[in-house]
Amino acid sequence: MSGHIFTVDLGRCTGCFACAVACQDRAGISDDVSWLRVSCHEKGAFPQPQIVYRVIHCFHCANPSCIPACPTDAIARQSDGLVQIDPKACIGCGACVEACPFGAIYLSAEGKAAKCDGCEDEVAQGQEPTCVRACPMRALDYAPVIETPIRRAPDKIFDEHNQEPAVIYWVFE
């Protein structure tokens, strides 16, 4: 991704869903479909329970399982690092949906695979992706890898998938 990575500060995300609503509006997708999900996880126990929200969308992985799963080569990594789906080449077989361990791809009403496009047009114009701009808590970022904050440690939740997702979840040390 041209040296860029999505980051999610788990200490700042309040689960307001502004990112998901903005993404859905930008993409023009129906209310029953979401390219970006906000999941809720409970941690701890009384007297210190915690709720942690995790933003999940296509992470434009360095080693995505969706690309080799596609029998028509409809999915490819672009020169900017974003993994994109060519709807003209997609036959709607769903192999990429099954291959993605993050549940980031779905079949549209038209029977074509669809997912987060990384706001490629906005990023090309020097803007941050829509979800990042919509976050009132500034919990989301899309920044060069070298600018990652040092006050937090990465949450390695997705390491076991061997996909090398372009996302870091920051947690308090």
Protein backbone atom coordinates (compact mmCIF):
# COMPACT_ATOMS: atom_id res chain seq x y z
CA MET A 1 0.00 0.00 0.00
CA SER A 2 2.73 2.43 -0.86
CA GLY A 3 4.08 2.00 2.64
CA HIS A 4 0.72 2.86 4.23
CA ILE A 5 -1.16 0.84 6.80
CA PHE A 6 -4.53 1.07 8.53
CA THR A 7 -4.30 1.48 12.29
CA VAL A 8 -7.05 1.15 14.88
CA ASP A 9 -6.51 2.48 18.40
CA LEU A 10 -8.58 0.09 20.49
CA GLY A 11 -8.37 2.45 23.46
CA ARG A 12 -10.09 5.24 21.52
CA CYS A 13 -12.79 3.38 19.57
CA THR A 14 -16.18 3.79 21.28
CA GLY A 15 -18.17 1.64 18.86
CA CYS A 16 -20.13 4.61 17.50
CA PHE A 17 -20.26 3.07 13.98
CA ALA A 18 -19.60 6.45 12.28
CA CYS A 19 -16.90 4.74 10.18
CA ALA A 20 -19.29 2.00 9.08
CA VAL A 21 -22.08 4.43 8.20
CA ALA A 22 -19.70 6.69 6.25
CA CYS A 23 -18.26 3.71 4.38
CA GLN A 24 -21.71 2.41 3.49
CA ASP A 25 -22.80 5.84 2.29
CA ARG A 26 -19.65 6.38 0.19
CA ALA A 27 -19.90 2.91 -1.38
CA GLY A 28 -23.63 3.26 -2.03
CA ILE A 29 -24.39 -0.18 -0.64
CA SER A 30 -27.65 -1.28 0.94
CA ASP A 31 -28.21 -1.24 4.70
CA ASP A 32 -28.02 -5.03 4.97
CA VAL A 33 -24.44 -5.13 3.61
CA SER A 34 -21.32 -3.65 5.12
CA TRP A 35 -17.79 -3.37 3.78
CA LEU A 36 -16.73 -2.32 7.28
CA ARG A 37 -17.89 -3.99 10.49
CA VAL A 38 -17.45 -2.98 14.10
CA SER A 39 -17.31 -5.99 16.39
CA CYS A 40 -17.71 -5.86 20.16
CA HIS A 41 -15.58 -7.97 22.50
CA GLU A 42 -15.98 -8.21 26.26
CA LYS A 43 -12.83 -8.54 28.35
CA GLY A 44 -12.06 -8.73 32.02
CA ALA A 45 -14.42 -9.44 34.85
CA PHE A 46 -16.08 -7.64 37.71
CA PRO A 47 -15.02 -5.22 39.10
CA GLN A 48 -13.13 -4.16 35.95
CA PRO A 49 -15.01 -5.41 32.89
CA GLN A 50 -14.08 -3.89 29.54
CA ILE A 51 -15.68 -3.62 26.15
CA VAL A 52 -13.33 -3.39 23.17
CA TYR A 53 -14.54 -2.49 19.70
CA ARG A 54 -12.65 -3.76 16.67
CA VAL A 55 -13.06 -2.26 13.19
CA ILE A 56 -12.84 -4.95 10.51
CA HIS A 57 -12.75 -4.45 6.75
CA CYS A 58 -10.57 -5.62 3.89
CA PHE A 59 -7.00 -5.09 5.06
CA HIS A 60 -5.48 -5.32 1.58
CA CYS A 61 -3.15 -8.06 2.80
CA ALA A 62 0.38 -8.56 1.52
CA ASN A 63 -0.35 -12.28 1.20
CA PRO A 64 -4.12 -12.41 0.52
CA SER A 65 -5.80 -15.78 0.16
CA CYS A 66 -8.52 -14.27 -2.03
CA ILE A 67 -6.22 -13.70 -5.02
CA PRO A 68 -5.18 -17.33 -5.62
CA ALA A 69 -8.70 -18.52 -4.76
CA CYS A 70 -10.24 -16.60 -7.68
CA PRO A 71 -10.49 -18.86 -10.75
CA THR A 72 -10.82 -15.90 -13.17
CA ASP A 73 -8.05 -13.67 -11.79
CA ALA A 74 -10.67 -11.01 -11.01
CA ILE A 75 -8.80 -10.04 -7.83
CA ALA A 76 -5.40 -8.41 -8.03
CA ARG A 77 -3.03 -6.21 -6.09
CA GLN A 78 -2.68 -2.78 -7.68
CA SER A 79 0.55 -0.81 -7.88
CA ASP A 80 -0.57 1.23 -4.85
CA GLY A 81 -0.86 -1.98 -2.81
CA LEU A 82 -4.64 -2.05 -2.67
CA VAL A 83 -6.28 -5.39 -3.45
CA GLN A 84 -9.13 -4.76 -5.90
CA ILE A 85 -11.86 -6.82 -7.54
CA ASP A 86 -12.64 -6.40 -11.24
CA PRO A 87 -16.42 -6.88 -11.40
CA LYS A 88 -16.28 -7.53 -15.15
CA ALA A 89 -14.04 -10.57 -14.60
CA CYS A 90 -15.88 -11.84 -11.50
CA ILE A 91 -18.19 -14.81 -12.10
CA GLY A 92 -19.67 -14.74 -8.59
CA CYS A 93 -18.50 -18.21 -7.59
CA GLY A 94 -17.79 -17.14 -4.00
CA ALA A 95 -14.35 -18.78 -3.78
CA CYS A 96 -12.85 -15.50 -2.54
CA VAL A 97 -15.59 -15.16 0.10
CA GLU A 98 -14.67 -18.58 1.47
CA ALA A 99 -10.92 -17.89 1.25
CA CYS A 100 -10.90 -14.62 3.22
CA PRO A 101 -10.36 -15.38 6.93
CA PHE A 102 -11.62 -11.92 7.90
CA GLY A 103 -15.05 -12.14 6.26
CA ALA A 104 -14.26 -9.00 4.27
CA ILE A 105 -15.72 -10.10 0.92
CA TYR A 106 -19.38 -10.69 0.13
CA LEU A 107 -21.46 -11.44 -2.94
CA SER A 108 -23.56 -8.45 -3.99
CA ALA A 109 -27.16 -8.57 -5.13
CA GLU A 110 -25.78 -8.63 -8.67
CA GLY A 111 -23.88 -11.83 -7.83
CA LYS A 112 -20.44 -10.22 -7.94
CA ALA A 113 -17.79 -10.25 -5.22
CA ALA A 114 -17.41 -6.89 -3.48
CA LYS A 115 -15.35 -5.47 -0.63
CA CYS A 116 -13.63 -2.38 0.72
CA ASP A 117 -11.72 -0.71 -2.08
CA GLY A 118 -9.52 1.28 0.30
CA CYS A 119 -11.14 4.49 -1.01
CA GLU A 120 -8.62 4.27 -3.83
CA ASP A 121 -9.95 7.38 -5.58
CA GLU A 122 -9.78 9.48 -2.41
CA VAL A 123 -6.33 8.22 -1.43
CA ALA A 124 -5.06 9.00 -4.95
CA GLN A 125 -6.19 12.60 -4.35
CA GLY A 126 -4.22 12.79 -1.09
CA GLN A 127 -7.20 12.26 1.23
CA GLU A 128 -7.53 9.70 3.98
CA PRO A 129 -10.08 6.91 3.44
CA THR A 130 -13.68 7.80 4.30
CA CYS A 131 -13.75 5.64 7.45
CA VAL A 132 -10.69 7.43 8.83
CA ARG A 133 -12.11 10.89 8.15
CA ALA A 134 -15.46 9.94 9.73
CA CYS A 135 -14.06 8.73 13.06
CA PRO A 136 -14.88 11.35 15.72
CA MET A 137 -12.49 9.77 18.22
CA ARG A 138 -9.56 9.64 15.76
CA ALA A 139 -9.24 5.93 16.54
CA LEU A 140 -8.65 5.11 12.86
CA ASP A 141 -5.68 6.14 10.78
CA TYR A 142 -4.14 5.39 7.42
CA ALA A 143 -0.53 6.41 7.66
CA PRO A 144 2.96 5.55 6.52
CA VAL A 145 4.25 2.54 8.43
CA ILE A 146 7.11 4.55 9.97
CA GLU A 147 4.68 6.93 11.72
CA THR A 148 3.17 4.30 14.00
CA PRO A 149 2.67 5.53 17.59
CA ILE A 150 5.12 4.18 20.16
CA ARG A 151 2.86 4.56 23.20
CA ARG A 152 0.95 1.46 22.19
CA ALA A 153 1.78 -2.14 21.40
CA PRO A 154 0.33 -3.98 18.42
CA ASP A 155 -2.46 -6.49 19.02
CA LYS A 156 -1.39 -9.57 17.09
CA ILE A 157 -4.90 -11.02 16.68
CA PHE A 158 -4.57 -11.65 12.93
CA ASP A 159 -1.01 -13.01 12.89
CA GLU A 160 -2.13 -16.66 12.83
CA HIS A 161 -3.75 -16.26 9.41
CA ASN A 162 -0.45 -15.68 7.52
CA GLN A 163 -2.15 -13.05 5.36
CA GLU A 164 0.02 -10.11 6.48
CA PRO A 165 -2.93 -7.70 6.71
CA ALA A 166 -2.09 -4.01 6.31
CA VAL A 167 -3.59 -3.16 9.71
CA ILE A 168 -2.31 -2.71 13.22
CA TYR A 169 -4.60 -2.70 16.23
CA TRP A 170 -3.01 -0.65 19.02
CA VAL A 171 -3.56 -1.65 22.65
CA PHE A 172 -2.32 -0.16 25.91
CA GLU A 173 0.90 -1.78 27.10
